[in-house]
PDB file of N, CA and C in Angstrom:
ATOM      1  N   MET A   1     -42.250 -17.947   7.278  1.00  0.00           N
ATOM      2  CA  MET A   1     -40.820 -18.048   7.102  1.00  0.00           C
ATOM      3  C   MET A   1     -40.144 -17.503   8.363  1.00  0.00           C
ATOM      4  N   ASN A   2     -39.227 -18.246   8.894  1.00  0.00           N
ATOM      5  CA  ASN A   2     -38.523 -17.844  10.094  1.00  0.00           C
ATOM      6  C   ASN A   2     -37.283 -17.051   9.687  1.00  0.00           C
ATOM      7  N   THR A   3     -37.273 -15.775  10.047  1.00  0.00           N
ATOM      8  CA  THR A   3     -36.141 -14.938   9.649  1.00  0.00           C
ATOM      9  C   THR A   3     -35.203 -14.667  10.802  1.00  0.00           C
ATOM     10  N   SER A   4     -35.494 -15.201  11.989  1.00  0.00           N
ATOM     11  CA  SER A   4     -34.590 -14.954  13.111  1.00  0.00           C
ATOM     12  C   SER A   4     -33.363 -15.852  12.985  1.00  0.00           C
ATOM     13  N   LEU A   5     -32.288 -15.383  13.525  1.00  0.00           N
ATOM     14  CA  LEU A   5     -31.019 -16.087  13.400  1.00  0.00           C
ATOM     15  C   LEU A   5     -30.472 -16.309  14.795  1.00  0.00           C
ATOM     16  N   TYR A   6     -30.172 -17.549  15.094  1.00  0.00           N
ATOM     17  CA  TYR A   6     -29.647 -17.889  16.412  1.00  0.00           C
ATOM     18  C   TYR A   6     -28.223 -18.396  16.263  1.00  0.00           C
ATOM     19  N   PHE A   7     -27.341 -17.907  17.125  1.00  0.00           N
ATOM     20  CA  PHE A   7     -25.955 -18.344  17.148  1.00  0.00           C
ATOM     21  C   PHE A   7     -25.708 -19.064  18.465  1.00  0.00           C
ATOM     22  N   SER A   8     -25.024 -20.160  18.387  1.00  0.00           N
ATOM     23  CA  SER A   8     -24.570 -20.814  19.612  1.00  0.00           C
ATOM     24  C   SER A   8     -23.104 -21.159  19.430  1.00  0.00           C
ATOM     25  N   PHE A   9     -22.338 -20.860  20.464  1.00  0.00           N
ATOM     26  CA  PHE A   9     -20.898 -21.064  20.409  1.00  0.00           C
ATOM     27  C   PHE A   9     -20.560 -22.398  21.050  1.00  0.00           C
ATOM     28  N   ASN A  10     -19.854 -23.241  20.307  1.00  0.00           N
ATOM     29  CA  ASN A  10     -19.421 -24.532  20.808  1.00  0.00           C
ATOM     30  C   ASN A  10     -18.041 -24.349  21.436  1.00  0.00           C
ATOM     31  N   GLN A  11     -17.967 -24.483  22.765  1.00  0.00           N
ATOM     32  CA  GLN A  11     -16.716 -24.197  23.463  1.00  0.00           C
ATOM     33  C   GLN A  11     -15.687 -25.308  23.321  1.00  0.00           C
ATOM     34  N   THR A  12     -16.094 -26.482  22.941  1.00  0.00           N
ATOM     35  CA  THR A  12     -15.116 -27.572  22.844  1.00  0.00           C
ATOM     36  C   THR A  12     -14.213 -27.417  21.632  1.00  0.00           C
ATOM     37  N   ASP A  13     -14.796 -27.084  20.473  1.00  0.00           N
ATOM     38  CA  ASP A  13     -13.957 -26.932  19.284  1.00  0.00           C
ATOM     39  C   ASP A  13     -13.933 -25.497  18.751  1.00  0.00           C
ATOM     40  N   GLY A  14     -14.586 -24.564  19.409  1.00  0.00           N
ATOM     41  CA  GLY A  14     -14.505 -23.170  19.037  1.00  0.00           C
ATOM     42  C   GLY A  14     -15.275 -22.804  17.783  1.00  0.00           C
ATOM     43  N   THR A  15     -16.328 -23.549  17.446  1.00  0.00           N
ATOM     44  CA  THR A  15     -17.095 -23.250  16.236  1.00  0.00           C
ATOM     45  C   THR A  15     -18.414 -22.590  16.595  1.00  0.00           C
ATOM     46  N   MET A  16     -19.010 -21.960  15.596  1.00  0.00           N
ATOM     47  CA  MET A  16     -20.325 -21.346  15.761  1.00  0.00           C
ATOM     48  C   MET A  16     -21.355 -22.216  15.056  1.00  0.00           C
ATOM     49  N   ASP A  17     -22.487 -22.419  15.718  1.00  0.00           N
ATOM     50  CA  ASP A  17     -23.597 -23.141  15.100  1.00  0.00           C
ATOM     51  C   ASP A  17     -24.693 -22.134  14.779  1.00  0.00           C
ATOM     52  N   TYR A  18     -25.254 -22.233  13.585  1.00  0.00           N
ATOM     53  CA  TYR A  18     -26.304 -21.331  13.141  1.00  0.00           C
ATOM     54  C   TYR A  18     -27.595 -22.119  13.073  1.00  0.00           C
ATOM     55  N   GLU A  19     -28.625 -21.614  13.734  1.00  0.00           N
ATOM     56  CA  GLU A  19     -29.898 -22.322  13.755  1.00  0.00           C
ATOM     57  C   GLU A  19     -31.012 -21.373  13.354  1.00  0.00           C
ATOM     58  N   GLY A  20     -31.937 -21.875  12.603  1.00  0.00           N
ATOM     59  CA  GLY A  20     -33.130 -21.120  12.265  1.00  0.00           C
ATOM     60  C   GLY A  20     -32.890 -19.961  11.339  1.00  0.00           C
ATOM     61  N   TYR A  21     -32.005 -20.086  10.382  1.00  0.00           N
ATOM     62  CA  TYR A  21     -31.725 -18.980   9.488  1.00  0.00           C
ATOM     63  C   TYR A  21     -32.349 -19.236   8.128  1.00  0.00           C
ATOM     64  N   THR A  22     -32.604 -18.168   7.424  1.00  0.00           N
ATOM     65  CA  THR A  22     -33.055 -18.293   6.042  1.00  0.00           C
ATOM     66  C   THR A  22     -31.820 -18.413   5.165  1.00  0.00           C
ATOM     67  N   ASN A  23     -31.991 -18.525   3.895  1.00  0.00           N
ATOM     68  CA  ASN A  23     -30.869 -18.700   2.977  1.00  0.00           C
ATOM     69  C   ASN A  23     -30.043 -17.417   2.956  1.00  0.00           C
ATOM     70  N   LEU A  24     -28.846 -17.481   3.553  1.00  0.00           N
ATOM     71  CA  LEU A  24     -28.002 -16.293   3.618  1.00  0.00           C
ATOM     72  C   LEU A  24     -27.296 -16.014   2.300  1.00  0.00           C
ATOM     73  N   SER A  25     -27.246 -16.984   1.413  1.00  0.00           N
ATOM     74  CA  SER A  25     -26.570 -16.792   0.135  1.00  0.00           C
ATOM     75  C   SER A  25     -27.576 -16.489  -0.970  1.00  0.00           C
ATOM     76  N   SER A  26     -28.640 -15.771  -0.629  1.00  0.00           N
ATOM     77  CA  SER A  26     -29.643 -15.450  -1.637  1.00  0.00           C
ATOM     78  C   SER A  26     -29.099 -14.416  -2.602  1.00  0.00           C
ATOM     79  N   SER A  27     -29.835 -14.162  -3.642  1.00  0.00           N
ATOM     80  CA  SER A  27     -29.381 -13.233  -4.670  1.00  0.00           C
ATOM     81  C   SER A  27     -29.827 -11.804  -4.386  1.00  0.00           C
ATOM     82  N   TYR A  28     -30.181 -11.489  -3.154  1.00  0.00           N
ATOM     83  CA  TYR A  28     -30.601 -10.134  -2.815  1.00  0.00           C
ATOM     84  C   TYR A  28     -29.403  -9.208  -2.884  1.00  0.00           C
ATOM     85  N   ASP A  29     -29.563  -8.094  -3.567  1.00  0.00           N
ATOM     86  CA  ASP A  29     -28.493  -7.109  -3.688  1.00  0.00           C
ATOM     87  C   ASP A  29     -28.639  -6.101  -2.552  1.00  0.00           C
ATOM     88  N   TYR A  30     -27.738  -6.194  -1.579  1.00  0.00           N
ATOM     89  CA  TYR A  30     -27.825  -5.329  -0.416  1.00  0.00           C
ATOM     90  C   TYR A  30     -27.493  -3.885  -0.735  1.00  0.00           C
ATOM     91  N   PHE A  31     -26.842  -3.615  -1.849  1.00  0.00           N
ATOM     92  CA  PHE A  31     -26.444  -2.267  -2.201  1.00  0.00           C
ATOM     93  C   PHE A  31     -27.466  -1.551  -3.078  1.00  0.00           C
ATOM     94  N   GLU A  32     -28.547  -2.211  -3.433  1.00  0.00           N
ATOM     95  CA  GLU A  32     -29.522  -1.539  -4.302  1.00  0.00           C
ATOM     96  C   GLU A  32     -30.309  -0.479  -3.547  1.00  0.00           C
ATOM     97  N   ASP A  33     -30.274  -0.520  -2.222  1.00  0.00           N
ATOM     98  CA  ASP A  33     -30.979   0.489  -1.437  1.00  0.00           C
ATOM     99  C   ASP A  33     -30.229   1.813  -1.381  1.00  0.00           C
ATOM    100  N   PHE A  34     -28.947   1.813  -1.745  1.00  0.00           N
ATOM    101  CA  PHE A  34     -28.134   3.021  -1.673  1.00  0.00           C
ATOM    102  C   PHE A  34     -27.939   3.598  -3.071  1.00  0.00           C
ATOM    103  N   PRO A  35     -28.003   4.925  -3.191  1.00  0.00           N
ATOM    104  CA  PRO A  35     -27.775   5.528  -4.516  1.00  0.00           C
ATOM    105  C   PRO A  35     -26.298   5.401  -4.902  1.00  0.00           C
ATOM    106  N   PRO A  36     -25.993   5.361  -6.187  1.00  0.00           N
ATOM    107  CA  PRO A  36     -24.578   5.288  -6.593  1.00  0.00           C
ATOM    108  C   PRO A  36     -23.844   6.581  -6.233  1.00  0.00           C
ATOM    109  N   ILE A  37     -22.569   6.445  -5.904  1.00  0.00           N
ATOM    110  CA  ILE A  37     -21.750   7.594  -5.536  1.00  0.00           C
ATOM    111  C   ILE A  37     -21.134   8.167  -6.808  1.00  0.00           C
ATOM    112  N   PRO A  38     -21.309   9.465  -7.073  1.00  0.00           N
ATOM    113  CA  PRO A  38     -20.692  10.052  -8.273  1.00  0.00           C
ATOM    114  C   PRO A  38     -19.167   9.972  -8.184  1.00  0.00           C
ATOM    115  N   GLU A  39     -18.526   9.821  -9.325  1.00  0.00           N
ATOM    116  CA  GLU A  39     -17.069   9.650  -9.360  1.00  0.00           C
ATOM    117  C   GLU A  39     -16.347  10.889  -8.840  1.00  0.00           C
ATOM    118  N   ARG A  40     -16.913  12.057  -9.025  1.00  0.00           N
ATOM    119  CA  ARG A  40     -16.262  13.278  -8.557  1.00  0.00           C
ATOM    120  C   ARG A  40     -16.178  13.312  -7.039  1.00  0.00           C
ATOM    121  N   ASP A  41     -17.037  12.576  -6.329  1.00  0.00           N
ATOM    122  CA  ASP A  41     -16.997  12.545  -4.874  1.00  0.00           C
ATOM    123  C   ASP A  41     -15.967  11.553  -4.352  1.00  0.00           C
ATOM    124  N   LEU A  42     -15.499  10.659  -5.199  1.00  0.00           N
ATOM    125  CA  LEU A  42     -14.527   9.657  -4.776  1.00  0.00           C
ATOM    126  C   LEU A  42     -13.101  10.182  -4.835  1.00  0.00           C
ATOM    127  N   LEU A  43     -12.855  11.177  -5.655  1.00  0.00           N
ATOM    128  CA  LEU A  43     -11.509  11.710  -5.833  1.00  0.00           C
ATOM    129  C   LEU A  43     -11.297  12.916  -4.921  1.00  0.00           C
ATOM    130  N   PRO A  44     -10.064  13.115  -4.429  1.00  0.00           N
ATOM    131  CA  PRO A  44      -9.819  14.318  -3.625  1.00  0.00           C
ATOM    132  C   PRO A  44      -9.845  15.556  -4.504  1.00  0.00           C
ATOM    133  N   PRO A  45     -10.100  16.703  -3.925  1.00  0.00           N
ATOM    134  CA  PRO A  45     -10.106  17.927  -4.739  1.00  0.00           C
ATOM    135  C   PRO A  45      -8.695  18.223  -5.250  1.00  0.00           C
ATOM    136  N   PRO A  46      -8.571  18.810  -6.437  1.00  0.00           N
ATOM    137  CA  PRO A  46      -7.238  19.116  -6.973  1.00  0.00           C
ATOM    138  C   PRO A  46      -6.540  20.180  -6.123  1.00  0.00           C
ATOM    139  N   LEU A  47      -5.224  20.058  -6.063  1.00  0.00           N
ATOM    140  CA  LEU A  47      -4.425  21.020  -5.298  1.00  0.00           C
ATOM    141  C   LEU A  47      -4.269  22.311  -6.088  1.00  0.00           C
ATOM    142  N   PRO A  48      -4.095  23.430  -5.386  1.00  0.00           N
ATOM    143  CA  PRO A  48      -3.842  24.685  -6.086  1.00  0.00           C
ATOM    144  C   PRO A  48      -2.502  24.637  -6.816  1.00  0.00           C
ATOM    145  N   GLY A  49      -2.344  25.493  -7.808  1.00  0.00           N
ATOM    146  CA  GLY A  49      -1.151  25.499  -8.642  1.00  0.00           C
ATOM    147  C   GLY A  49       0.134  25.746  -7.871  1.00  0.00           C
ATOM    148  N   ASN A  50       0.094  26.604  -6.847  1.00  0.00           N
ATOM    149  CA  ASN A  50       1.301  26.894  -6.070  1.00  0.00           C
ATOM    150  C   ASN A  50       1.788  25.649  -5.338  1.00  0.00           C
ATOM    151  N   ILE A  51       0.881  24.927  -4.753  1.00  0.00           N
ATOM    152  CA  ILE A  51       1.230  23.717  -3.993  1.00  0.00           C
ATOM    153  C   ILE A  51       1.754  22.640  -4.937  1.00  0.00           C
ATOM    154  N   ARG A  52       1.155  22.528  -6.105  1.00  0.00           N
ATOM    155  CA  ARG A  52       1.612  21.513  -7.069  1.00  0.00           C
ATOM    156  C   ARG A  52       3.042  21.783  -7.516  1.00  0.00           C
ATOM    157  N   ILE A  53       3.378  23.049  -7.772  1.00  0.00           N
ATOM    158  CA  ILE A  53       4.740  23.405  -8.181  1.00  0.00           C
ATOM    159  C   ILE A  53       5.712  23.143  -7.036  1.00  0.00           C
ATOM    160  N   LEU A  54       5.319  23.479  -5.813  1.00  0.00           N
ATOM    161  CA  LEU A  54       6.169  23.232  -4.650  1.00  0.00           C
ATOM    162  C   LEU A  54       6.428  21.739  -4.464  1.00  0.00           C
ATOM    163  N   LEU A  55       5.392  20.928  -4.571  1.00  0.00           N
ATOM    164  CA  LEU A  55       5.567  19.476  -4.445  1.00  0.00           C
ATOM    165  C   LEU A  55       6.446  18.919  -5.555  1.00  0.00           C
ATOM    166  N   LEU A  56       6.297  19.425  -6.757  1.00  0.00           N
ATOM    167  CA  LEU A  56       7.134  18.986  -7.876  1.00  0.00           C
ATOM    168  C   LEU A  56       8.599  19.297  -7.602  1.00  0.00           C
ATOM    169  N   LEU A  57       8.878  20.484  -7.103  1.00  0.00           N
ATOM    170  CA  LEU A  57      10.263  20.854  -6.780  1.00  0.00           C
ATOM    171  C   LEU A  57      10.826  20.000  -5.646  1.00  0.00           C
ATOM    172  N   VAL A  58      10.004  19.707  -4.656  1.00  0.00           N
ATOM    173  CA  VAL A  58      10.457  18.852  -3.548  1.00  0.00           C
ATOM    174  C   VAL A  58      10.769  17.452  -4.061  1.00  0.00           C
ATOM    175  N   TYR A  59       9.887  16.881  -4.885  1.00  0.00           N
ATOM    176  CA  TYR A  59      10.113  15.540  -5.440  1.00  0.00           C
ATOM    177  C   TYR A  59      11.376  15.498  -6.301  1.00  0.00           C
ATOM    178  N   ILE A  60      11.562  16.507  -7.140  1.00  0.00           N
ATOM    179  CA  ILE A  60      12.753  16.548  -7.997  1.00  0.00           C
ATOM    180  C   ILE A  60      14.015  16.645  -7.153  1.00  0.00           C
ATOM    181  N   THR A  61      13.982  17.449  -6.088  1.00  0.00           N
ATOM    182  CA  THR A  61      15.138  17.577  -5.198  1.00  0.00           C
ATOM    183  C   THR A  61      15.464  16.256  -4.521  1.00  0.00           C
ATOM    184  N   ILE A  62      14.460  15.570  -4.029  1.00  0.00           N
ATOM    185  CA  ILE A  62      14.676  14.292  -3.348  1.00  0.00           C
ATOM    186  C   ILE A  62      15.225  13.255  -4.320  1.00  0.00           C
ATOM    187  N   ILE A  63      14.688  13.195  -5.523  1.00  0.00           N
ATOM    188  CA  ILE A  63      15.155  12.220  -6.511  1.00  0.00           C
ATOM    189  C   ILE A  63      16.599  12.506  -6.910  1.00  0.00           C
ATOM    190  N   CYS A  64      16.928  13.779  -7.148  1.00  0.00           N
ATOM    191  CA  CYS A  64      18.311  14.126  -7.534  1.00  0.00           C
ATOM    192  C   CYS A  64      19.286  13.833  -6.404  1.00  0.00           C
ATOM    193  N   ALA A  65      18.913  14.126  -5.169  1.00  0.00           N
ATOM    194  CA  ALA A  65      19.798  13.856  -4.031  1.00  0.00           C
ATOM    195  C   ALA A  65      20.024  12.357  -3.852  1.00  0.00           C
ATOM    196  N   SER A  66      18.977  11.558  -4.017  1.00  0.00           N
ATOM    197  CA  SER A  66      19.145  10.107  -3.867  1.00  0.00           C
ATOM    198  C   SER A  66      19.985   9.536  -4.998  1.00  0.00           C
ATOM    199  N   LEU A  67      19.812  10.018  -6.222  1.00  0.00           N
ATOM    200  CA  LEU A  67      20.658   9.557  -7.331  1.00  0.00           C
ATOM    201  C   LEU A  67      22.116   9.936  -7.109  1.00  0.00           C
ATOM    202  N   PHE A  68      22.351  11.164  -6.671  1.00  0.00           N
ATOM    203  CA  PHE A  68      23.718  11.609  -6.403  1.00  0.00           C
ATOM    204  C   PHE A  68      24.358  10.770  -5.297  1.00  0.00           C
ATOM    205  N   GLY A  69      23.627  10.531  -4.214  1.00  0.00           N
ATOM    206  CA  GLY A  69      24.154   9.742  -3.108  1.00  0.00           C
ATOM    207  C   GLY A  69      24.453   8.309  -3.508  1.00  0.00           C
ATOM    208  N   ASN A  70      23.568   7.703  -4.279  1.00  0.00           N
ATOM    209  CA  ASN A  70      23.790   6.315  -4.715  1.00  0.00           C
ATOM    210  C   ASN A  70      24.973   6.222  -5.678  1.00  0.00           C
ATOM    211  N   ILE A  71      25.102   7.193  -6.558  1.00  0.00           N
ATOM    212  CA  ILE A  71      26.249   7.191  -7.480  1.00  0.00           C
ATOM    213  C   ILE A  71      27.553   7.381  -6.705  1.00  0.00           C
ATOM    214  N   MET A  72      27.533   8.206  -5.661  1.00  0.00           N
ATOM    215  CA  MET A  72      28.728   8.387  -4.832  1.00  0.00           C
ATOM    216  C   MET A  72      29.093   7.096  -4.111  1.00  0.00           C
ATOM    217  N   VAL A  73      28.119   6.381  -3.582  1.00  0.00           N
ATOM    218  CA  VAL A  73      28.384   5.103  -2.903  1.00  0.00           C
ATOM    219  C   VAL A  73      29.027   4.121  -3.867  1.00  0.00           C
ATOM    220  N   ILE A  74      28.461   4.005  -5.067  1.00  0.00           N
ATOM    221  CA  ILE A  74      28.996   3.068  -6.061  1.00  0.00           C
ATOM    222  C   ILE A  74      30.412   3.465  -6.459  1.00  0.00           C
ATOM    223  N   SER A  75      30.646   4.753  -6.711  1.00  0.00           N
ATOM    224  CA  SER A  75      31.973   5.180  -7.169  1.00  0.00           C
ATOM    225  C   SER A  75      33.035   5.024  -6.078  1.00  0.00           C
ATOM    226  N   ILE A  76      32.694   5.274  -4.818  1.00  0.00           N
ATOM    227  CA  ILE A  76      33.664   5.110  -3.730  1.00  0.00           C
ATOM    228  C   ILE A  76      34.031   3.645  -3.551  1.00  0.00           C
ATOM    229  N   ILE A  77      33.049   2.755  -3.633  1.00  0.00           N
ATOM    230  CA  ILE A  77      33.340   1.327  -3.471  1.00  0.00           C
ATOM    231  C   ILE A  77      34.167   0.809  -4.643  1.00  0.00           C
ATOM    232  N   ILE A  78      33.942   1.343  -5.830  1.00  0.00           N
ATOM    233  CA  ILE A  78      34.753   0.922  -6.981  1.00  0.00           C
ATOM    234  C   ILE A  78      36.171   1.480  -6.872  1.00  0.00           C
ATOM    235  N   LYS A  79      36.330   2.725  -6.434  1.00  0.00           N
ATOM    236  CA  LYS A  79      37.634   3.380  -6.433  1.00  0.00           C
ATOM    237  C   LYS A  79      38.552   2.864  -5.319  1.00  0.00           C
ATOM    238  N   TYR A  80      38.058   2.717  -4.117  1.00  0.00           N
ATOM    239  CA  TYR A  80      38.884   2.346  -2.972  1.00  0.00           C
ATOM    240  C   TYR A  80      38.719   0.856  -2.650  1.00  0.00           C
ATOM    241  N   HIS A  81      39.797   0.110  -2.736  1.00  0.00           N
ATOM    242  CA  HIS A  81      39.748  -1.342  -2.539  1.00  0.00           C
ATOM    243  C   HIS A  81      39.485  -1.710  -1.077  1.00  0.00           C
ATOM    244  N   LYS A  82      39.859  -0.859  -0.133  1.00  0.00           N
ATOM    245  CA  LYS A  82      39.598  -1.152   1.273  1.00  0.00           C
ATOM    246  C   LYS A  82      38.094  -1.121   1.592  1.00  0.00           C
ATOM    247  N   MET A  83      37.334  -0.464   0.767  1.00  0.00           N
ATOM    248  CA  MET A  83      35.887  -0.358   0.992  1.00  0.00           C
ATOM    249  C   MET A  83      35.127  -1.575   0.471  1.00  0.00           C
ATOM    250  N   ARG A  84      35.814  -2.520  -0.115  1.00  0.00           N
ATOM    251  CA  ARG A  84      35.142  -3.684  -0.710  1.00  0.00           C
ATOM    252  C   ARG A  84      34.950  -4.793   0.331  1.00  0.00           C
ATOM    253  N   THR A  85      34.151  -4.488   1.326  1.00  0.00           N
ATOM    254  CA  THR A  85      33.770  -5.508   2.294  1.00  0.00           C
ATOM    255  C   THR A  85      32.422  -6.088   1.868  1.00  0.00           C
ATOM    256  N   VAL A  86      32.019  -7.132   2.548  1.00  0.00           N
ATOM    257  CA  VAL A  86      30.751  -7.783   2.182  1.00  0.00           C
ATOM    258  C   VAL A  86      29.579  -6.820   2.360  1.00  0.00           C
ATOM    259  N   ILE A  87      29.569  -6.106   3.452  1.00  0.00           N
ATOM    260  CA  ILE A  87      28.463  -5.174   3.720  1.00  0.00           C
ATOM    261  C   ILE A  87      28.452  -4.039   2.700  1.00  0.00           C
ATOM    262  N   ASN A  88      29.626  -3.509   2.366  1.00  0.00           N
ATOM    263  CA  ASN A  88      29.673  -2.412   1.397  1.00  0.00           C
ATOM    264  C   ASN A  88      29.286  -2.871  -0.003  1.00  0.00           C
ATOM    265  N   ILE A  89      29.659  -4.089  -0.365  1.00  0.00           N
ATOM    266  CA  ILE A  89      29.222  -4.633  -1.666  1.00  0.00           C
ATOM    267  C   ILE A  89      27.704  -4.781  -1.677  1.00  0.00           C
ATOM    268  N   PHE A  90      27.153  -5.223  -0.551  1.00  0.00           N
ATOM    269  CA  PHE A  90      25.696  -5.318  -0.446  1.00  0.00           C
ATOM    270  C   PHE A  90      25.053  -3.937  -0.596  1.00  0.00           C
ATOM    271  N   LEU A  91      25.620  -2.923   0.068  1.00  0.00           N
ATOM    272  CA  LEU A  91      25.087  -1.566  -0.062  1.00  0.00           C
ATOM    273  C   LEU A  91      25.212  -1.046  -1.491  1.00  0.00           C
ATOM    274  N   ALA A  92      26.306  -1.389  -2.158  1.00  0.00           N
ATOM    275  CA  ALA A  92      26.473  -0.971  -3.558  1.00  0.00           C
ATOM    276  C   ALA A  92      25.424  -1.642  -4.444  1.00  0.00           C
ATOM    277  N   SER A  93      25.143  -2.909  -4.173  1.00  0.00           N
ATOM    278  CA  SER A  93      24.114  -3.573  -4.987  1.00  0.00           C
ATOM    279  C   SER A  93      22.751  -2.962  -4.740  1.00  0.00           C
ATOM    280  N   LEU A  94      22.488  -2.539  -3.513  1.00  0.00           N
ATOM    281  CA  LEU A  94      21.225  -1.821  -3.235  1.00  0.00           C
ATOM    282  C   LEU A  94      21.185  -0.484  -3.976  1.00  0.00           C
ATOM    283  N   ALA A  95      22.313   0.215  -3.993  1.00  0.00           N
ATOM    284  CA  ALA A  95      22.362   1.506  -4.691  1.00  0.00           C
ATOM    285  C   ALA A  95      22.130   1.324  -6.185  1.00  0.00           C
ATOM    286  N   VAL A  96      22.705   0.267  -6.746  1.00  0.00           N
ATOM    287  CA  VAL A  96      22.502  -0.001  -8.184  1.00  0.00           C
ATOM    288  C   VAL A  96      21.031  -0.339  -8.450  1.00  0.00           C
ATOM    289  N   SER A  97      20.441  -1.168  -7.589  1.00  0.00           N
ATOM    290  CA  SER A  97      19.050  -1.583  -7.834  1.00  0.00           C
ATOM    291  C   SER A  97      18.074  -0.423  -7.662  1.00  0.00           C
ATOM    292  N   ILE A  98      18.377   0.497  -6.781  1.00  0.00           N
ATOM    293  CA  ILE A  98      17.503   1.661  -6.603  1.00  0.00           C
ATOM    294  C   ILE A  98      17.612   2.603  -7.805  1.00  0.00           C
ATOM    295  N   ASN A  99      18.796   2.735  -8.372  1.00  0.00           N
ATOM    296  CA  ASN A  99      18.970   3.635  -9.508  1.00  0.00           C
ATOM    297  C   ASN A  99      18.300   3.120 -10.767  1.00  0.00           C
ATOM    298  N   TYR A 100      18.103   1.823 -10.870  1.00  0.00           N
ATOM    299  CA  TYR A 100      17.487   1.284 -12.082  1.00  0.00           C
ATOM    300  C   TYR A 100      16.151   0.803 -11.768  1.00  0.00           C
TER     301      TYR A 100
END
């Protein structure tokens, strides 16, 4: 059985020709040589409690600030008629879509 694989590049149409190969679509499982990876090695280690509380406070602050800012944009565009330009209406629609 010839297991060597030869590649030749066809410069006219940019294709590769394969010569002398065995069946590349065989049912050989290439991953059976490797042991399975335990699930605990796939996940990152848990964060300490102090860091988790800090991240929670940061996330809550960012979410509250963005909600407040979007509500202010919507209320200003509704209240002041001079602010009802095409761009500001577009920004208000973005603020509404982000809030919901």
